[in-house]
Amino acid sequence: MLRERSTVAKLFGAREEEIQEAVHLARHTVGWSTYLNGLRADEDRLVEQLSWIGEHLSS
């Protein structure tokens, strides 16, 4: 399936480097998702903390 999606992406002008970057980003996303789900963290608390981080970075 990845081969077909890569082919379509190339038809729309994506370079090989862009496709590889997307693959790496997907790998990291899946990894963090698995990690956070494994921690069984309090989702509300996590949202609060991420909001605080976002506010801090934008100030």
Protein backbone atom coordinates (compact mmCIF):
# COMPACT_ATOMS: atom_id res chain seq x y z
CA MET A 1 0.00 0.00 0.00
CA LEU A 2 2.87 2.40 0.77
CA ARG A 3 4.24 1.92 -2.73
CA GLU A 4 0.92 2.95 -4.29
CA ARG A 5 0.66 6.02 -2.04
CA SER A 6 4.24 6.99 -2.83
CA THR A 7 3.49 6.72 -6.53
CA VAL A 8 0.42 8.94 -6.18
CA ALA A 9 2.40 11.44 -4.10
CA LYS A 10 5.05 11.58 -6.83
CA LEU A 11 2.35 12.16 -9.45
CA PHE A 12 1.30 15.21 -7.41
CA GLY A 13 4.88 16.48 -7.37
CA ALA A 14 6.30 15.11 -4.11
CA ARG A 15 10.03 14.47 -4.07
CA GLU A 16 11.55 11.32 -2.59
CA GLU A 17 12.90 13.35 0.35
CA GLU A 18 9.39 14.61 1.14
CA ILE A 19 7.97 11.11 1.05
CA GLN A 20 10.71 9.85 3.38
CA GLU A 21 10.06 12.73 5.77
CA ALA A 22 6.36 11.84 5.86
CA VAL A 23 7.23 8.21 6.62
CA HIS A 24 9.50 9.25 9.50
CA LEU A 25 6.88 11.61 10.91
CA ALA A 26 4.30 8.82 10.80
CA ARG A 27 6.70 6.51 12.64
CA HIS A 28 7.24 9.07 15.39
CA THR A 29 3.51 9.75 15.67
CA VAL A 30 2.71 6.07 16.08
CA GLY A 31 5.54 5.66 18.58
CA TRP A 32 4.42 8.56 20.78
CA SER A 33 0.81 7.46 20.56
CA THR A 34 1.74 3.97 21.73
CA TYR A 35 3.95 5.36 24.50
CA LEU A 36 1.29 7.74 25.83
CA ASN A 37 -1.43 5.10 25.68
CA GLY A 38 0.87 2.69 27.51
CA LEU A 39 1.37 5.21 30.30
CA ARG A 40 -2.40 5.37 30.79
CA ALA A 41 -1.95 9.06 31.52
CA ASP A 42 -4.81 11.25 32.69
CA GLU A 43 -5.92 12.73 29.37
CA ASP A 44 -7.38 15.90 30.90
CA ARG A 45 -4.13 16.58 32.76
CA LEU A 46 -2.12 15.95 29.59
CA VAL A 47 -4.25 18.45 27.66
CA GLU A 48 -3.71 21.02 30.43
CA GLN A 49 0.03 20.49 30.35
CA LEU A 50 0.24 20.71 26.57
CA SER A 51 -1.84 23.90 26.61
CA TRP A 52 0.51 25.39 29.20
CA ILE A 53 3.52 24.45 27.08
CA GLY A 54 1.91 26.02 24.00
CA GLU A 55 1.14 29.23 25.87
CA HIS A 56 4.67 29.36 27.27
CA LEU A 57 6.26 28.86 23.83
CA SER A 58 4.09 31.52 22.18
CA SER A 59 4.84 34.21 24.79
